[in-house]
Amino acid sequence: MAETVLYGIPNCDTVKKARKWLDAQGVDYRFHDYKKAGADPAKLATWLDAAGVDTVLNRRGTTFRKLSDADKADIDAAKAARLLEDNPSMIKRPIVEHEGGLLVGFKEDEWSAHFS
C-alpha cells in the first residue's frame, strides 16, 4: 500500500482537525511540514495538474492578499507553482496524498469516503 502523506503547517487549525480525524480513524500517515521541509516544485506541479489552480491555491489567506497585483494577475499552473514554492502558506491545507488519490482541504464526509 502506498504511503499516506499529509502536507500542511502544524499550527493551522484545519490541519490540526485533519490530523485528529486521521488519528481517530486509525489511518497511518506521515506529516510533511511546509515550514520546515518546504514545498517540492514537482509535487506542486502534480497537484496543480490533478486538482487545478483554483483548488490548490488559497486565495483567501493573508499571504495571497499581500501579493502585488502583478503576482495576483493571470495565474496559470506554472505561475501558481512558482508562487506556492515561494509562499507555501498559500497552499490550500491540508493536502493528502494517499493510495486513492489526492484530497485538498478537509471535508470529513469526503475523507470518510476515501478512507473507509
C-alpha atoms as a PDB file:
ATOM      1  CA  MET A   1       0.000   0.000   0.000  1.00  0.00           C
ATOM      2  CA  ALA A   2       1.230   3.478  -0.859  1.00  0.00           C
ATOM      3  CA  GLU A   3       2.191   5.756   1.988  1.00  0.00           C
ATOM      4  CA  THR A   4      -0.362   8.348   3.074  1.00  0.00           C
ATOM      5  CA  VAL A   5       1.206  11.787   3.445  1.00  0.00           C
ATOM      6  CA  LEU A   6      -0.491  14.815   4.989  1.00  0.00           C
ATOM      7  CA  TYR A   7       1.022  18.131   3.863  1.00  0.00           C
ATOM      8  CA  GLY A   8       0.452  21.254   5.909  1.00  0.00           C
ATOM      9  CA  ILE A   9       1.535  23.602   8.644  1.00  0.00           C
ATOM     10  CA  PRO A  10       1.367  22.309  12.235  1.00  0.00           C
ATOM     11  CA  ASN A  11      -0.321  25.355  13.785  1.00  0.00           C
ATOM     12  CA  CYS A  12      -3.100  25.538  11.151  1.00  0.00           C
ATOM     13  CA  ASP A  13      -6.481  24.758  12.771  1.00  0.00           C
ATOM     14  CA  THR A  14      -7.712  22.828   9.725  1.00  0.00           C
ATOM     15  CA  VAL A  15      -4.536  20.728   9.664  1.00  0.00           C
ATOM     16  CA  LYS A  16      -4.978  20.035  13.387  1.00  0.00           C
ATOM     17  CA  LYS A  17      -8.574  18.875  12.750  1.00  0.00           C
ATOM     18  CA  ALA A  18      -7.446  16.686   9.862  1.00  0.00           C
ATOM     19  CA  ARG A  19      -4.655  15.079  11.892  1.00  0.00           C
ATOM     20  CA  LYS A  20      -7.037  14.430  14.780  1.00  0.00           C
ATOM     21  CA  TRP A  21      -9.536  12.865  12.355  1.00  0.00           C
ATOM     22  CA  LEU A  22      -6.883  10.625  10.738  1.00  0.00           C
ATOM     23  CA  ASP A  23      -5.677   9.527  14.191  1.00  0.00           C
ATOM     24  CA  ALA A  24      -9.250   8.738  15.287  1.00  0.00           C
ATOM     25  CA  GLN A  25      -9.774   6.639  12.141  1.00  0.00           C
ATOM     26  CA  GLY A  26      -6.525   4.759  12.732  1.00  0.00           C
ATOM     27  CA  VAL A  27      -5.038   5.969   9.435  1.00  0.00           C
ATOM     28  CA  ASP A  28      -1.259   5.642   9.373  1.00  0.00           C
ATOM     29  CA  TYR A  29       0.252   8.734   7.766  1.00  0.00           C
ATOM     30  CA  ARG A  30       3.403  10.818   7.600  1.00  0.00           C
ATOM     31  CA  PHE A  31       3.214  14.580   8.203  1.00  0.00           C
ATOM     32  CA  HIS A  32       5.114  16.930   5.879  1.00  0.00           C
ATOM     33  CA  ASP A  33       5.610  20.389   7.404  1.00  0.00           C
ATOM     34  CA  TYR A  34       5.929  23.061   4.679  1.00  0.00           C
ATOM     35  CA  LYS A  35       7.551  25.487   7.107  1.00  0.00           C
ATOM     36  CA  LYS A  36      10.412  23.080   7.865  1.00  0.00           C
ATOM     37  CA  ALA A  37      10.655  20.912   4.754  1.00  0.00           C
ATOM     38  CA  GLY A  38       9.460  23.333   2.077  1.00  0.00           C
ATOM     39  CA  ALA A  39       7.258  22.619  -0.909  1.00  0.00           C
ATOM     40  CA  ASP A  40       8.601  20.387  -3.672  1.00  0.00           C
ATOM     41  CA  PRO A  41       8.105  22.052  -7.103  1.00  0.00           C
ATOM     42  CA  ALA A  42       7.438  18.687  -8.787  1.00  0.00           C
ATOM     43  CA  LYS A  43       4.737  17.852  -6.209  1.00  0.00           C
ATOM     44  CA  LEU A  44       3.176  21.280  -6.626  1.00  0.00           C
ATOM     45  CA  ALA A  45       3.019  20.800 -10.401  1.00  0.00           C
ATOM     46  CA  THR A  46       1.427  17.363  -9.962  1.00  0.00           C
ATOM     47  CA  TRP A  47      -1.186  18.710  -7.530  1.00  0.00           C
ATOM     48  CA  LEU A  48      -1.993  21.696  -9.749  1.00  0.00           C
ATOM     49  CA  ASP A  49      -2.383  19.357 -12.721  1.00  0.00           C
ATOM     50  CA  ALA A  50      -4.585  16.920 -10.783  1.00  0.00           C
ATOM     51  CA  ALA A  51      -6.762  19.332  -8.795  1.00  0.00           C
ATOM     52  CA  GLY A  52      -6.440  22.658 -10.595  1.00  0.00           C
ATOM     53  CA  VAL A  53      -5.065  26.055  -9.646  1.00  0.00           C
ATOM     54  CA  ASP A  54      -8.318  27.219  -8.043  1.00  0.00           C
ATOM     55  CA  THR A  55      -8.367  24.200  -5.722  1.00  0.00           C
ATOM     56  CA  VAL A  56      -4.705  24.162  -4.659  1.00  0.00           C
ATOM     57  CA  LEU A  57      -4.059  27.916  -4.420  1.00  0.00           C
ATOM     58  CA  ASN A  58      -5.554  29.505  -1.306  1.00  0.00           C
ATOM     59  CA  ARG A  59      -6.596  32.987  -2.412  1.00  0.00           C
ATOM     60  CA  ARG A  60      -8.333  33.794   0.899  1.00  0.00           C
ATOM     61  CA  GLY A  61      -5.279  33.911   3.135  1.00  0.00           C
ATOM     62  CA  THR A  62      -3.299  36.974   4.128  1.00  0.00           C
ATOM     63  CA  THR A  63      -0.215  35.821   2.212  1.00  0.00           C
ATOM     64  CA  PHE A  64      -2.103  35.895  -1.094  1.00  0.00           C
ATOM     65  CA  ARG A  65      -3.736  39.214  -0.309  1.00  0.00           C
ATOM     66  CA  LYS A  66      -0.289  40.748   0.335  1.00  0.00           C
ATOM     67  CA  LEU A  67       0.987  39.803  -3.136  1.00  0.00           C
ATOM     68  CA  SER A  68       1.444  42.527  -5.729  1.00  0.00           C
ATOM     69  CA  ASP A  69      -1.332  42.993  -8.276  1.00  0.00           C
ATOM     70  CA  ALA A  70       1.061  41.677 -10.935  1.00  0.00           C
ATOM     71  CA  ASP A  71       1.578  38.456  -8.962  1.00  0.00           C
ATOM     72  CA  LYS A  72      -2.183  38.032  -8.478  1.00  0.00           C
ATOM     73  CA  ALA A  73      -2.939  38.506 -12.190  1.00  0.00           C
ATOM     74  CA  ASP A  74      -3.121  35.795 -14.857  1.00  0.00           C
ATOM     75  CA  ILE A  75      -2.222  32.861 -12.617  1.00  0.00           C
ATOM     76  CA  ASP A  76      -1.767  29.698 -14.645  1.00  0.00           C
ATOM     77  CA  ALA A  77      -0.367  26.396 -13.351  1.00  0.00           C
ATOM     78  CA  ALA A  78       3.273  27.366 -13.963  1.00  0.00           C
ATOM     79  CA  LYS A  79       2.920  30.731 -12.222  1.00  0.00           C
ATOM     80  CA  ALA A  80       0.948  29.130  -9.382  1.00  0.00           C
ATOM     81  CA  ALA A  81       3.708  26.545  -8.864  1.00  0.00           C
ATOM     82  CA  ARG A  82       6.324  29.317  -8.554  1.00  0.00           C
ATOM     83  CA  LEU A  83       4.152  31.341  -6.156  1.00  0.00           C
ATOM     84  CA  LEU A  84       3.405  28.293  -3.993  1.00  0.00           C
ATOM     85  CA  GLU A  85       7.032  27.211  -3.865  1.00  0.00           C
ATOM     86  CA  ASP A  86       7.999  30.707  -2.682  1.00  0.00           C
ATOM     87  CA  ASN A  87       4.968  31.023  -0.344  1.00  0.00           C
ATOM     88  CA  PRO A  88       3.969  27.556   0.964  1.00  0.00           C
ATOM     89  CA  SER A  89       1.411  29.136   3.293  1.00  0.00           C
ATOM     90  CA  MET A  90      -0.680  29.851   0.155  1.00  0.00           C
ATOM     91  CA  ILE A  91      -1.158  26.125  -0.479  1.00  0.00           C
ATOM     92  CA  LYS A  92      -4.685  25.059   0.475  1.00  0.00           C
ATOM     93  CA  ARG A  93      -4.407  22.993   3.636  1.00  0.00           C
ATOM     94  CA  PRO A  94      -4.182  20.215   4.209  1.00  0.00           C
ATOM     95  CA  ILE A  95      -3.289  18.214   1.118  1.00  0.00           C
ATOM     96  CA  VAL A  96      -3.257  14.454   1.489  1.00  0.00           C
ATOM     97  CA  GLU A  97      -1.693  12.044  -0.960  1.00  0.00           C
ATOM     98  CA  HIS A  98      -2.953   8.519  -0.471  1.00  0.00           C
ATOM     99  CA  GLU A  99      -3.464   5.317  -2.401  1.00  0.00           C
ATOM    100  CA  GLY A 100      -6.883   6.508  -3.580  1.00  0.00           C
ATOM    101  CA  GLY A 101      -5.608   9.823  -4.909  1.00  0.00           C
ATOM    102  CA  LEU A 102      -5.401  13.390  -3.685  1.00  0.00           C
ATOM    103  CA  LEU A 103      -7.507  15.263  -1.131  1.00  0.00           C
ATOM    104  CA  VAL A 104      -7.301  19.056  -0.897  1.00  0.00           C
ATOM    105  CA  GLY A 105      -8.776  20.736   2.161  1.00  0.00           C
ATOM    106  CA  PHE A 106     -10.528  18.922   4.990  1.00  0.00           C
ATOM    107  CA  LYS A 107     -14.103  17.806   4.374  1.00  0.00           C
ATOM    108  CA  GLU A 108     -14.977  14.995   6.770  1.00  0.00           C
ATOM    109  CA  ASP A 109     -17.582  13.347   4.503  1.00  0.00           C
ATOM    110  CA  GLU A 110     -15.190  13.345   1.541  1.00  0.00           C
ATOM    111  CA  TRP A 111     -12.383  11.951   3.671  1.00  0.00           C
ATOM    112  CA  SER A 112     -14.672   9.261   5.120  1.00  0.00           C
ATOM    113  CA  ALA A 113     -15.457   8.089   1.575  1.00  0.00           C
ATOM    114  CA  HIS A 114     -11.751   7.837   0.735  1.00  0.00           C
ATOM    115  CA  PHE A 115     -10.553   6.176   3.932  1.00  0.00           C
ATOM    116  CA  SER A 116     -13.416   3.736   4.592  1.00  0.00           C
END
